[in-house]
C-alpha atoms as a PDB file:
ATOM      1  CA  UNK A   1      20.445  11.389   2.136  1.00  0.00           C
ATOM      2  CA  UNK A   2      17.070  11.086   0.404  1.00  0.00           C
ATOM      3  CA  UNK A   3      17.337  13.987  -2.072  1.00  0.00           C
ATOM      4  CA  UNK A   4      17.630  11.819  -5.199  1.00  0.00           C
ATOM      5  CA  UNK A   5      14.590   9.692  -4.450  1.00  0.00           C
ATOM      6  CA  UNK A   6      11.395  10.573  -6.285  1.00  0.00           C
ATOM      7  CA  UNK A   7       8.022  10.884  -4.632  1.00  0.00           C
ATOM      8  CA  UNK A   8       5.268   9.460  -6.842  1.00  0.00           C
ATOM      9  CA  UNK A   9       2.481  11.950  -7.521  1.00  0.00           C
ATOM     10  CA  UNK A  10      -0.142   9.282  -8.287  1.00  0.00           C
ATOM     11  CA  UNK A  11      -2.862   9.204  -5.638  1.00  0.00           C
ATOM     12  CA  UNK A  12      -6.354   7.794  -5.915  1.00  0.00           C
ATOM     13  CA  UNK A  13      -7.977  11.162  -5.225  1.00  0.00           C
ATOM     14  CA  UNK A  14     -11.577  10.124  -6.089  1.00  0.00           C
ATOM     15  CA  UNK A  15     -11.431   7.212  -3.632  1.00  0.00           C
ATOM     16  CA  UNK A  16      -9.881   9.303  -0.841  1.00  0.00           C
ATOM     17  CA  UNK A  17     -12.466  12.068  -1.362  1.00  0.00           C
ATOM     18  CA  UNK A  18     -15.384   9.613  -1.501  1.00  0.00           C
ATOM     19  CA  UNK A  19     -14.311   7.880   1.725  1.00  0.00           C
ATOM     20  CA  UNK A  20     -13.864  11.247   3.449  1.00  0.00           C
ATOM     21  CA  UNK A  21     -17.322  12.482   2.389  1.00  0.00           C
ATOM     22  CA  UNK A  22     -18.931   9.208   3.485  1.00  0.00           C
ATOM     23  CA  UNK A  23     -17.157   9.510   6.837  1.00  0.00           C
ATOM     24  CA  UNK A  24     -18.442  13.082   7.202  1.00  0.00           C
ATOM     25  CA  UNK A  25     -21.989  11.766   6.735  1.00  0.00           C
ATOM     26  CA  UNK A  26     -21.614   8.803   9.100  1.00  0.00           C
ATOM     27  CA  UNK A  27     -19.952  10.881  11.837  1.00  0.00           C
ATOM     28  CA  UNK A  28     -22.678  13.530  11.512  1.00  0.00           C
ATOM     29  CA  UNK A  29     -25.185  10.708  11.893  1.00  0.00           C
ATOM     30  CA  UNK A  30     -23.408   9.332  14.956  1.00  0.00           C
ATOM     31  CA  UNK A  31     -23.106  12.815  16.471  1.00  0.00           C
ATOM     32  CA  UNK A  32     -26.820  13.432  16.061  1.00  0.00           C
ATOM     33  CA  UNK A  33     -27.560  10.035  17.605  1.00  0.00           C
ATOM     34  CA  UNK A  34     -25.370  10.636  20.665  1.00  0.00           C
ATOM     35  CA  UNK A  35     -26.916  14.071  21.065  1.00  0.00           C
ATOM     36  CA  UNK A  36     -30.333  12.458  21.456  1.00  0.00           C
ATOM     37  CA  UNK A  37     -31.667  13.480  18.046  1.00  0.00           C
ATOM     38  CA  UNK A  38     -33.524  11.183  15.655  1.00  0.00           C
ATOM     39  CA  UNK A  39     -32.169  10.991  12.099  1.00  0.00           C
ATOM     40  CA  UNK A  40     -34.888  10.811   9.457  1.00  0.00           C
ATOM     41  CA  UNK A  41     -34.257   8.620   6.393  1.00  0.00           C
ATOM     42  CA  UNK A  42     -37.660   9.177   4.769  1.00  0.00           C
ATOM     43  CA  UNK A  43     -36.336  11.769   2.321  1.00  0.00           C
ATOM     44  CA  UNK A  44     -32.986  13.281   1.381  1.00  0.00           C
ATOM     45  CA  UNK A  45     -33.785  16.852   2.540  1.00  0.00           C
ATOM     46  CA  UNK A  46     -35.044  15.590   5.916  1.00  0.00           C
ATOM     47  CA  UNK A  47     -32.018  13.306   6.253  1.00  0.00           C
ATOM     48  CA  UNK A  48     -29.598  16.168   5.603  1.00  0.00           C
ATOM     49  CA  UNK A  49     -31.359  18.581   7.965  1.00  0.00           C
ATOM     50  CA  UNK A  50     -31.529  15.972  10.746  1.00  0.00           C
ATOM     51  CA  UNK A  51     -27.734  15.568  10.614  1.00  0.00           C
ATOM     52  CA  UNK A  52     -27.001  19.159  11.674  1.00  0.00           C
ATOM     53  CA  UNK A  53     -27.001  18.408  15.454  1.00  0.00           C
ATOM     54  CA  UNK A  54     -23.991  16.156  14.816  1.00  0.00           C
ATOM     55  CA  UNK A  55     -21.749  18.899  13.398  1.00  0.00           C
ATOM     56  CA  UNK A  56     -19.764  19.550  16.608  1.00  0.00           C
ATOM     57  CA  UNK A  57     -18.976  15.853  17.140  1.00  0.00           C
ATOM     58  CA  UNK A  58     -18.208  15.172  13.477  1.00  0.00           C
ATOM     59  CA  UNK A  59     -15.936  18.200  13.071  1.00  0.00           C
ATOM     60  CA  UNK A  60     -14.096  17.448  16.322  1.00  0.00           C
ATOM     61  CA  UNK A  61     -13.478  13.771  15.591  1.00  0.00           C
ATOM     62  CA  UNK A  62     -12.511  14.361  11.956  1.00  0.00           C
ATOM     63  CA  UNK A  63     -10.136  17.150  13.005  1.00  0.00           C
ATOM     64  CA  UNK A  64      -8.376  14.718  15.334  1.00  0.00           C
ATOM     65  CA  UNK A  65      -8.172  11.951  12.720  1.00  0.00           C
ATOM     66  CA  UNK A  66      -7.034  14.338   9.980  1.00  0.00           C
ATOM     67  CA  UNK A  67      -4.257  15.921  12.034  1.00  0.00           C
ATOM     68  CA  UNK A  68      -3.085  12.486  13.197  1.00  0.00           C
ATOM     69  CA  UNK A  69      -2.948  10.907   9.738  1.00  0.00           C
ATOM     70  CA  UNK A  70      -1.587  13.939   7.887  1.00  0.00           C
ATOM     71  CA  UNK A  71       1.115  14.109  10.547  1.00  0.00           C
ATOM     72  CA  UNK A  72       2.265  10.707   9.294  1.00  0.00           C
ATOM     73  CA  UNK A  73       1.774  11.687   5.644  1.00  0.00           C
ATOM     74  CA  UNK A  74       3.772  14.917   5.748  1.00  0.00           C
ATOM     75  CA  UNK A  75       6.552  13.261   7.757  1.00  0.00           C
ATOM     76  CA  UNK A  76       6.741  10.564   5.072  1.00  0.00           C
ATOM     77  CA  UNK A  77       6.933  13.188   2.336  1.00  0.00           C
ATOM     78  CA  UNK A  78       9.628  15.073   4.255  1.00  0.00           C
ATOM     79  CA  UNK A  79      11.759  11.921   4.211  1.00  0.00           C
ATOM     80  CA  UNK A  80      10.741  11.067   0.622  1.00  0.00           C
ATOM     81  CA  UNK A  81       9.030   7.854   1.654  1.00  0.00           C
ATOM     82  CA  UNK A  82       6.192   6.793  -0.623  1.00  0.00           C
ATOM     83  CA  UNK A  83       2.854   6.910   1.215  1.00  0.00           C
ATOM     84  CA  UNK A  84      -0.806   7.302   0.354  1.00  0.00           C
ATOM     85  CA  UNK A  85      -3.138  10.018   1.494  1.00  0.00           C
ATOM     86  CA  UNK A  86      -5.358   9.004   4.447  1.00  0.00           C
ATOM     87  CA  UNK A  87      -8.072   6.441   3.815  1.00  0.00           C
ATOM     88  CA  UNK A  88     -11.008   7.408   6.066  1.00  0.00           C
ATOM     89  CA  UNK A  89     -13.149   4.463   7.153  1.00  0.00           C
ATOM     90  CA  UNK A  90     -16.868   5.310   7.409  1.00  0.00           C
ATOM     91  CA  UNK A  91     -19.175   3.264   9.597  1.00  0.00           C
ATOM     92  CA  UNK A  92     -22.908   4.002   9.728  1.00  0.00           C
ATOM     93  CA  UNK A  93     -24.603   3.698  13.128  1.00  0.00           C
ATOM     94  CA  UNK A  94     -25.532   0.080  13.753  1.00  0.00           C
ATOM     95  CA  UNK A  95     -27.915  -1.312  16.397  1.00  0.00           C
ATOM     96  CA  UNK A  96     -26.380  -2.725  19.595  1.00  0.00           C
ATOM     97  CA  UNK A  97     -22.911  -1.363  18.815  1.00  0.00           C
ATOM     98  CA  UNK A  98     -20.957   1.655  20.022  1.00  0.00           C
ATOM     99  CA  UNK A  99     -21.588   3.620  16.827  1.00  0.00           C
ATOM    100  CA  UNK A 100     -18.862   6.234  16.453  1.00  0.00           C
ATOM    101  CA  UNK A 101     -19.480   6.919  12.761  1.00  0.00           C
ATOM    102  CA  UNK A 102     -16.004   5.781  11.744  1.00  0.00           C
ATOM    103  CA  UNK A 103     -13.405   3.118  12.347  1.00  0.00           C
ATOM    104  CA  UNK A 104     -10.636   5.688  12.021  1.00  0.00           C
ATOM    105  CA  UNK A 105      -8.297   6.477   9.155  1.00  0.00           C
ATOM    106  CA  UNK A 106      -5.047   5.012   7.857  1.00  0.00           C
ATOM    107  CA  UNK A 107      -2.270   5.803   5.435  1.00  0.00           C
ATOM    108  CA  UNK A 108      -0.283   3.119   3.630  1.00  0.00           C
ATOM    109  CA  UNK A 109       3.510   3.373   3.457  1.00  0.00           C
ATOM    110  CA  UNK A 110       4.486   1.804   0.127  1.00  0.00           C
ATOM    111  CA  UNK A 111       8.151   1.056   0.726  1.00  0.00           C
ATOM    112  CA  UNK A 112      10.623   0.023   3.359  1.00  0.00           C
ATOM    113  CA  UNK A 113      11.536   2.951   5.599  1.00  0.00           C
ATOM    114  CA  UNK A 114      15.171   3.930   4.931  1.00  0.00           C
ATOM    115  CA  UNK A 115      16.471   4.814   8.392  1.00  0.00           C
ATOM    116  CA  UNK A 116      15.768   5.079  12.103  1.00  0.00           C
ATOM    117  CA  UNK A 117      15.348   8.852  12.090  1.00  0.00           C
ATOM    118  CA  UNK A 118      12.740   8.711   9.315  1.00  0.00           C
ATOM    119  CA  UNK A 119      10.994   5.783  11.043  1.00  0.00           C
ATOM    120  CA  UNK A 120      10.799   7.765  14.259  1.00  0.00           C
ATOM    121  CA  UNK A 121       9.562  10.949  12.582  1.00  0.00           C
ATOM    122  CA  UNK A 122       6.839   9.118  10.660  1.00  0.00           C
ATOM    123  CA  UNK A 123       5.764   7.181  13.752  1.00  0.00           C
ATOM    124  CA  UNK A 124       5.739  10.027  16.274  1.00  0.00           C
ATOM    125  CA  UNK A 125       4.242  12.815  14.159  1.00  0.00           C
ATOM    126  CA  UNK A 126       0.722  11.351  14.102  1.00  0.00           C
ATOM    127  CA  UNK A 127       0.248  10.782  17.856  1.00  0.00           C
ATOM    128  CA  UNK A 128       1.914  14.103  18.736  1.00  0.00           C
ATOM    129  CA  UNK A 129      -0.357  16.130  16.467  1.00  0.00           C
ATOM    130  CA  UNK A 130      -3.447  14.150  17.425  1.00  0.00           C
ATOM    131  CA  UNK A 131      -2.668  14.545  21.120  1.00  0.00           C
ATOM    132  CA  UNK A 132      -2.546  18.337  20.787  1.00  0.00           C
ATOM    133  CA  UNK A 133      -5.983  18.267  19.148  1.00  0.00           C
ATOM    134  CA  UNK A 134      -7.558  15.959  21.748  1.00  0.00           C
ATOM    135  CA  UNK A 135      -6.182  18.094  24.612  1.00  0.00           C
ATOM    136  CA  UNK A 136      -7.621  21.172  22.912  1.00  0.00           C
ATOM    137  CA  UNK A 137     -11.017  19.497  22.537  1.00  0.00           C
ATOM    138  CA  UNK A 138     -11.052  18.386  26.162  1.00  0.00           C
ATOM    139  CA  UNK A 139      -9.995  21.791  27.496  1.00  0.00           C
ATOM    140  CA  UNK A 140     -12.662  23.499  25.371  1.00  0.00           C
ATOM    141  CA  UNK A 141     -15.232  20.941  26.515  1.00  0.00           C
ATOM    142  CA  UNK A 142     -14.340  21.398  30.195  1.00  0.00           C
ATOM    143  CA  UNK A 143     -14.475  25.189  29.887  1.00  0.00           C
ATOM    144  CA  UNK A 144     -17.768  25.330  27.949  1.00  0.00           C
ATOM    145  CA  UNK A 145     -20.015  22.823  29.668  1.00  0.00           C
ATOM    146  CA  UNK A 146     -23.746  23.383  29.075  1.00  0.00           C
ATOM    147  CA  UNK A 147     -26.098  23.793  32.058  1.00  0.00           C
ATOM    148  CA  UNK A 148     -27.705  20.790  33.737  1.00  0.00           C
ATOM    149  CA  UNK A 149     -30.835  21.358  31.637  1.00  0.00           C
ATOM    150  CA  UNK A 150     -28.895  20.039  28.610  1.00  0.00           C
ATOM    151  CA  UNK A 151     -28.804  16.473  29.902  1.00  0.00           C
ATOM    152  CA  UNK A 152     -32.330  16.746  31.298  1.00  0.00           C
ATOM    153  CA  UNK A 153     -33.580  17.413  27.763  1.00  0.00           C
ATOM    154  CA  UNK A 154     -32.077  14.080  26.676  1.00  0.00           C
ATOM    155  CA  UNK A 155     -32.958  12.176  29.876  1.00  0.00           C
ATOM    156  CA  UNK A 156     -36.046  13.803  31.435  1.00  0.00           C
ATOM    157  CA  UNK A 157     -35.770  11.468  34.420  1.00  0.00           C
ATOM    158  CA  UNK A 158     -32.636  13.333  35.553  1.00  0.00           C
ATOM    159  CA  UNK A 159     -34.671  16.464  36.317  1.00  0.00           C
ATOM    160  CA  UNK A 160     -36.731  14.589  38.918  1.00  0.00           C
ATOM    161  CA  UNK A 161     -33.885  12.476  40.328  1.00  0.00           C
ATOM    162  CA  UNK A 162     -31.299  15.054  41.300  1.00  0.00           C
ATOM    163  CA  UNK A 163     -29.752  16.275  38.047  1.00  0.00           C
ATOM    164  CA  UNK A 164     -26.229  15.067  37.232  1.00  0.00           C
ATOM    165  CA  UNK A 165     -26.021  13.128  40.505  1.00  0.00           C
ATOM    166  CA  UNK A 166     -29.075  11.001  39.698  1.00  0.00           C
ATOM    167  CA  UNK A 167     -28.676   7.210  39.919  1.00  0.00           C
ATOM    168  CA  UNK A 168     -28.393   5.405  36.610  1.00  0.00           C
ATOM    169  CA  UNK A 169     -29.958   2.145  35.491  1.00  0.00           C
ATOM    170  CA  UNK A 170     -28.025  -1.118  35.541  1.00  0.00           C
ATOM    171  CA  UNK A 171     -26.393  -1.960  32.222  1.00  0.00           C
ATOM    172  CA  UNK A 172     -25.591   1.680  31.361  1.00  0.00           C
ATOM    173  CA  UNK A 173     -22.393   2.284  29.383  1.00  0.00           C
ATOM    174  CA  UNK A 174     -19.595   3.860  31.457  1.00  0.00           C
ATOM    175  CA  UNK A 175     -16.522   5.462  29.886  1.00  0.00           C
ATOM    176  CA  UNK A 176     -13.256   5.041  31.777  1.00  0.00           C
ATOM    177  CA  UNK A 177     -10.959   7.789  33.011  1.00  0.00           C
ATOM    178  CA  UNK A 178      -7.278   8.218  32.253  1.00  0.00           C
ATOM    179  CA  UNK A 179      -4.699  10.451  33.946  1.00  0.00           C
ATOM    180  CA  UNK A 180      -5.279  13.223  31.403  1.00  0.00           C
ATOM    181  CA  UNK A 181      -9.004  13.340  32.208  1.00  0.00           C
ATOM    182  CA  UNK A 182      -8.375  13.181  35.968  1.00  0.00           C
ATOM    183  CA  UNK A 183      -5.815  15.993  35.694  1.00  0.00           C
ATOM    184  CA  UNK A 184      -8.223  18.238  33.782  1.00  0.00           C
ATOM    185  CA  UNK A 185     -10.922  17.537  36.382  1.00  0.00           C
ATOM    186  CA  UNK A 186      -8.496  18.685  39.068  1.00  0.00           C
ATOM    187  CA  UNK A 187      -7.430  21.810  37.169  1.00  0.00           C
ATOM    188  CA  UNK A 188     -10.847  23.093  36.084  1.00  0.00           C
ATOM    189  CA  UNK A 189     -13.081  21.690  38.857  1.00  0.00           C
ATOM    190  CA  UNK A 190     -16.156  22.030  36.597  1.00  0.00           C
ATOM    191  CA  UNK A 191     -19.514  22.215  38.353  1.00  0.00           C
ATOM    192  CA  UNK A 192     -21.565  20.798  35.476  1.00  0.00           C
ATOM    193  CA  UNK A 193     -19.224  17.973  34.477  1.00  0.00           C
ATOM    194  CA  UNK A 194     -21.381  14.976  33.524  1.00  0.00           C
ATOM    195  CA  UNK A 195     -20.831  11.510  35.014  1.00  0.00           C
ATOM    196  CA  UNK A 196     -18.915   9.092  32.817  1.00  0.00           C
ATOM    197  CA  UNK A 197     -22.231   7.449  31.933  1.00  0.00           C
ATOM    198  CA  UNK A 198     -23.268  10.601  30.029  1.00  0.00           C
ATOM    199  CA  UNK A 199     -20.052  11.948  28.463  1.00  0.00           C
ATOM    200  CA  UNK A 200     -21.004  10.640  25.006  1.00  0.00           C
ATOM    201  CA  UNK A 201     -23.805  13.251  24.876  1.00  0.00           C
ATOM    202  CA  UNK A 202     -21.194  16.063  25.065  1.00  0.00           C
ATOM    203  CA  UNK A 203     -19.554  16.228  21.601  1.00  0.00           C
ATOM    204  CA  UNK A 204     -16.282  17.993  22.483  1.00  0.00           C
ATOM    205  CA  UNK A 205     -15.686  15.901  25.604  1.00  0.00           C
ATOM    206  CA  UNK A 206     -16.597  12.684  23.803  1.00  0.00           C
ATOM    207  CA  UNK A 207     -14.429  13.411  20.749  1.00  0.00           C
ATOM    208  CA  UNK A 208     -11.542  14.435  23.015  1.00  0.00           C
ATOM    209  CA  UNK A 209     -11.958  11.292  25.102  1.00  0.00           C
ATOM    210  CA  UNK A 210     -11.996   9.147  21.951  1.00  0.00           C
ATOM    211  CA  UNK A 211      -8.911  10.977  20.688  1.00  0.00           C
ATOM    212  CA  UNK A 212      -7.000  10.196  23.875  1.00  0.00           C
ATOM    213  CA  UNK A 213      -8.066   6.532  23.678  1.00  0.00           C
ATOM    214  CA  UNK A 214      -6.982   6.239  20.033  1.00  0.00           C
ATOM    215  CA  UNK A 215      -3.696   7.978  20.835  1.00  0.00           C
ATOM    216  CA  UNK A 216      -2.919   5.497  23.603  1.00  0.00           C
ATOM    217  CA  UNK A 217      -3.832   2.474  21.462  1.00  0.00           C
ATOM    218  CA  UNK A 218      -1.591   3.723  18.659  1.00  0.00           C
ATOM    219  CA  UNK A 219       1.261   4.292  21.106  1.00  0.00           C
ATOM    220  CA  UNK A 220       1.311   0.694  22.346  1.00  0.00           C
ATOM    221  CA  UNK A 221       4.956  -0.279  21.659  1.00  0.00           C
ATOM    222  CA  UNK A 222       4.048  -3.350  19.622  1.00  0.00           C
ATOM    223  CA  UNK A 223       4.742  -4.315  16.013  1.00  0.00           C
ATOM    224  CA  UNK A 224       4.145  -1.585  13.442  1.00  0.00           C
ATOM    225  CA  UNK A 225       1.827   0.526  15.546  1.00  0.00           C
ATOM    226  CA  UNK A 226       3.049   4.102  15.989  1.00  0.00           C
ATOM    227  CA  UNK A 227       4.381   3.117  19.402  1.00  0.00           C
ATOM    228  CA  UNK A 228       6.184   0.201  17.784  1.00  0.00           C
ATOM    229  CA  UNK A 229       7.934   2.561  15.355  1.00  0.00           C
ATOM    230  CA  UNK A 230       8.925   4.827  18.236  1.00  0.00           C
ATOM    231  CA  UNK A 231      10.192   2.074  20.542  1.00  0.00           C
ATOM    232  CA  UNK A 232      12.155   0.414  17.701  1.00  0.00           C
ATOM    233  CA  UNK A 233      13.837   3.719  16.822  1.00  0.00           C
ATOM    234  CA  UNK A 234      14.385   4.645  20.477  1.00  0.00           C
ATOM    235  CA  UNK A 235      15.553   1.324  21.953  1.00  0.00           C
ATOM    236  CA  UNK A 236      16.716  -0.689  18.946  1.00  0.00           C
ATOM    237  CA  UNK A 237      15.566  -4.082  17.701  1.00  0.00           C
ATOM    238  CA  UNK A 238      16.217  -5.971  20.956  1.00  0.00           C
ATOM    239  CA  UNK A 239      14.779  -3.242  23.177  1.00  0.00           C
ATOM    240  CA  UNK A 240      11.651  -3.068  21.038  1.00  0.00           C
ATOM    241  CA  UNK A 241      11.226  -6.844  21.151  1.00  0.00           C
ATOM    242  CA  UNK A 242      11.396  -6.832  24.966  1.00  0.00           C
ATOM    243  CA  UNK A 243       9.011  -3.871  25.297  1.00  0.00           C
ATOM    244  CA  UNK A 244       6.531  -5.402  22.834  1.00  0.00           C
ATOM    245  CA  UNK A 245       6.351  -8.703  24.683  1.00  0.00           C
ATOM    246  CA  UNK A 246       6.099  -7.053  28.084  1.00  0.00           C
ATOM    247  CA  UNK A 247       3.185  -4.878  26.965  1.00  0.00           C
ATOM    248  CA  UNK A 248       1.477  -7.809  25.290  1.00  0.00           C
ATOM    249  CA  UNK A 249       1.734  -9.690  28.598  1.00  0.00           C
ATOM    250  CA  UNK A 250       0.541  -6.571  30.445  1.00  0.00           C
ATOM    251  CA  UNK A 251      -2.700  -6.224  28.465  1.00  0.00           C
ATOM    252  CA  UNK A 252      -3.343  -9.981  28.730  1.00  0.00           C
ATOM    253  CA  UNK A 253      -3.052  -9.727  32.527  1.00  0.00           C
ATOM    254  CA  UNK A 254      -5.245  -6.609  32.440  1.00  0.00           C
ATOM    255  CA  UNK A 255      -7.958  -8.303  30.409  1.00  0.00           C
ATOM    256  CA  UNK A 256      -7.961 -11.849  31.789  1.00  0.00           C
ATOM    257  CA  UNK A 257     -10.045 -11.390  35.009  1.00  0.00           C
ATOM    258  CA  UNK A 258     -13.003  -9.769  33.245  1.00  0.00           C
ATOM    259  CA  UNK A 259     -12.654 -12.178  30.321  1.00  0.00           C
ATOM    260  CA  UNK A 260     -12.808 -15.056  32.800  1.00  0.00           C
ATOM    261  CA  UNK A 261     -15.884 -13.485  34.394  1.00  0.00           C
ATOM    262  CA  UNK A 262     -17.539 -13.268  30.986  1.00  0.00           C
ATOM    263  CA  UNK A 263     -16.663 -16.875  30.215  1.00  0.00           C
ATOM    264  CA  UNK A 264     -17.944 -18.119  33.584  1.00  0.00           C
ATOM    265  CA  UNK A 265     -21.197 -16.190  33.170  1.00  0.00           C
ATOM    266  CA  UNK A 266     -21.934 -18.483  30.242  1.00  0.00           C
ATOM    267  CA  UNK A 267     -20.566 -21.746  31.641  1.00  0.00           C
ATOM    268  CA  UNK A 268     -20.763 -21.609  35.443  1.00  0.00           C
ATOM    269  CA  UNK A 269     -22.244 -18.376  36.847  1.00  0.00           C
ATOM    270  CA  UNK A 270     -21.888 -19.397  40.498  1.00  0.00           C
ATOM    271  CA  UNK A 271     -18.082 -19.538  40.098  1.00  0.00           C
ATOM    272  CA  UNK A 272     -17.880 -15.797  39.371  1.00  0.00           C
ATOM    273  CA  UNK A 273     -17.886 -15.135  43.130  1.00  0.00           C
ATOM    274  CA  UNK A 274     -14.399 -16.701  43.283  1.00  0.00           C
ATOM    275  CA  UNK A 275     -12.906 -13.786  41.313  1.00  0.00           C
ATOM    276  CA  UNK A 276     -11.848 -10.921  43.646  1.00  0.00           C
ATOM    277  CA  UNK A 277     -13.918  -7.785  42.860  1.00  0.00           C
ATOM    278  CA  UNK A 278     -10.745  -5.652  43.017  1.00  0.00           C
ATOM    279  CA  UNK A 279      -9.377  -7.546  40.006  1.00  0.00           C
ATOM    280  CA  UNK A 280     -12.549  -6.971  38.006  1.00  0.00           C
ATOM    281  CA  UNK A 281     -12.548  -3.257  38.815  1.00  0.00           C
ATOM    282  CA  UNK A 282      -9.329  -2.779  36.843  1.00  0.00           C
ATOM    283  CA  UNK A 283      -9.981  -5.262  34.055  1.00  0.00           C
ATOM    284  CA  UNK A 284     -11.547  -4.971  30.582  1.00  0.00           C
ATOM    285  CA  UNK A 285     -12.161  -8.108  28.463  1.00  0.00           C
ATOM    286  CA  UNK A 286     -11.466  -6.166  25.266  1.00  0.00           C
ATOM    287  CA  UNK A 287      -7.742  -6.353  26.031  1.00  0.00           C
ATOM    288  CA  UNK A 288      -7.868 -10.072  25.328  1.00  0.00           C
ATOM    289  CA  UNK A 289      -9.167  -9.337  21.830  1.00  0.00           C
ATOM    290  CA  UNK A 290      -6.493  -6.672  21.407  1.00  0.00           C
ATOM    291  CA  UNK A 291      -3.789  -9.133  22.445  1.00  0.00           C
ATOM    292  CA  UNK A 292      -5.059 -11.539  19.771  1.00  0.00           C
ATOM    293  CA  UNK A 293      -5.102  -8.825  17.102  1.00  0.00           C
ATOM    294  CA  UNK A 294      -1.616  -7.615  18.032  1.00  0.00           C
ATOM    295  CA  UNK A 295      -0.077 -11.078  18.163  1.00  0.00           C
ATOM    296  CA  UNK A 296      -1.816 -12.628  15.143  1.00  0.00           C
ATOM    297  CA  UNK A 297      -2.681  -9.740  12.806  1.00  0.00           C
ATOM    298  CA  UNK A 298      -0.387  -6.770  13.520  1.00  0.00           C
ATOM    299  CA  UNK A 299       2.554  -8.879  14.671  1.00  0.00           C
ATOM    300  CA  UNK A 300       4.707  -8.348  17.746  1.00  0.00           C
ATOM    301  CA  UNK A 301       8.069  -7.750  16.056  1.00  0.00           C
ATOM    302  CA  UNK A 302       9.025  -4.714  13.966  1.00  0.00           C
ATOM    303  CA  UNK A 303      10.775  -5.209  10.607  1.00  0.00           C
ATOM    304  CA  UNK A 304      14.211  -3.567  10.411  1.00  0.00           C
ATOM    305  CA  UNK A 305      14.786  -0.344   8.504  1.00  0.00           C
ATOM    306  CA  UNK A 306      17.311  -0.209   5.675  1.00  0.00           C
ATOM    307  CA  UNK A 307      19.844   1.481   7.984  1.00  0.00           C
ATOM    308  CA  UNK A 308      19.468   1.287  11.767  1.00  0.00           C
ATOM    309  CA  UNK A 309      21.331   4.074  13.554  1.00  0.00           C
ATOM    310  CA  UNK A 310      21.079   5.970  16.875  1.00  0.00           C
ATOM    311  CA  UNK A 311      18.504   8.766  17.103  1.00  0.00           C
ATOM    312  CA  UNK A 312      19.499  12.393  17.418  1.00  0.00           C
ATOM    313  CA  UNK A 313      19.232  13.934  20.903  1.00  0.00           C
ATOM    314  CA  UNK A 314      16.123  15.921  19.968  1.00  0.00           C
ATOM    315  CA  UNK A 315      14.346  12.828  18.678  1.00  0.00           C
ATOM    316  CA  UNK A 316      15.309  10.889  21.793  1.00  0.00           C
ATOM    317  CA  UNK A 317      13.715  13.581  23.947  1.00  0.00           C
ATOM    318  CA  UNK A 318      10.595  13.527  21.751  1.00  0.00           C
ATOM    319  CA  UNK A 319      10.463   9.753  22.177  1.00  0.00           C
ATOM    320  CA  UNK A 320      10.287  10.081  25.950  1.00  0.00           C
ATOM    321  CA  UNK A 321       7.604  12.756  25.562  1.00  0.00           C
ATOM    322  CA  UNK A 322       5.615  10.263  23.463  1.00  0.00           C
ATOM    323  CA  UNK A 323       6.004   7.664  26.236  1.00  0.00           C
ATOM    324  CA  UNK A 324       4.689  10.228  28.756  1.00  0.00           C
ATOM    325  CA  UNK A 325       1.713  10.908  26.448  1.00  0.00           C
ATOM    326  CA  UNK A 326       1.000   7.187  26.355  1.00  0.00           C
ATOM    327  CA  UNK A 327       1.047   7.011  30.151  1.00  0.00           C
ATOM    328  CA  UNK A 328      -1.466   9.851  30.632  1.00  0.00           C
ATOM    329  CA  UNK A 329      -3.817   8.761  27.818  1.00  0.00           C
ATOM    330  CA  UNK A 330      -3.876   5.030  28.553  1.00  0.00           C
ATOM    331  CA  UNK A 331      -7.260   3.956  29.966  1.00  0.00           C
ATOM    332  CA  UNK A 332      -7.152   0.582  31.774  1.00  0.00           C
ATOM    333  CA  UNK A 333     -10.945   0.107  31.475  1.00  0.00           C
ATOM    334  CA  UNK A 334     -12.140   2.161  28.492  1.00  0.00           C
ATOM    335  CA  UNK A 335     -15.683   0.804  28.546  1.00  0.00           C
ATOM    336  CA  UNK A 336     -17.731  -0.704  31.318  1.00  0.00           C
ATOM    337  CA  UNK A 337     -21.288  -1.258  32.463  1.00  0.00           C
ATOM    338  CA  UNK A 338     -23.005  -0.147  35.655  1.00  0.00           C
END
């Protein structure tokens, strides 16, 4: 069907390589930071040597991003759809922000996708490949946990307060759990598993956790996210439109209680007591921002392909597997504070 279509060979290789190398540096920097190591900027040799503690985090996160994006790229090439190589997005550690070293990576599809099968393959290949990597990182992290002394070296107060069970200060960042994380906890029953307030110091666990979060966000069945491609190909234009609006409403409901709490803390703090604590426990205000981005920037609807047609049986099965992956990687409250 696509054999006569040419794939352009022109790629901006210098730009792609430069962005990748910058992202290597910024993720090494972030990895060293989360590992409790200071990065020296006084000279180039000292700067380079101080980045080495971030190798495990940088390599893990870049492996996930690379497999995810090249999954899309090679699927596009297989269907002779014009697409760029991945653009990696570096982000140096900034004060007062959750500095991950990168804002991810993207490829740009340069033409309208010809059919439903190609749309599905391009959409599903990234999350599927990335999910395999993040599961591998998490399993390796669960099976190779360092002794309690590792966290005590970063937080000396833990040694005198009961190790990993020590109380933490108010305002400490807490990472949320999803079904994948809970399942791995049940399977491995690790003795030295850190609390969710300390996971970001463990490079394989942290990169795997981030990979599962990114996978779930990409699989939201809205607009031209990967999940939007999959739901459009799987359920058709009307089915996708219904699913997109339902999930947009879902994340608004999920984010509104904590967003209201945040708003009241500025305007009328005494009114916060009127919000049931159970609602706040399962709410994250960031979903309100996501709902705005999805509705105003990404767009809720998915543009039609050139030829809409039913998926093959194998692709339909893969679509339901992708939905299951979304369910087990979705984190209702990704970030919180003690």
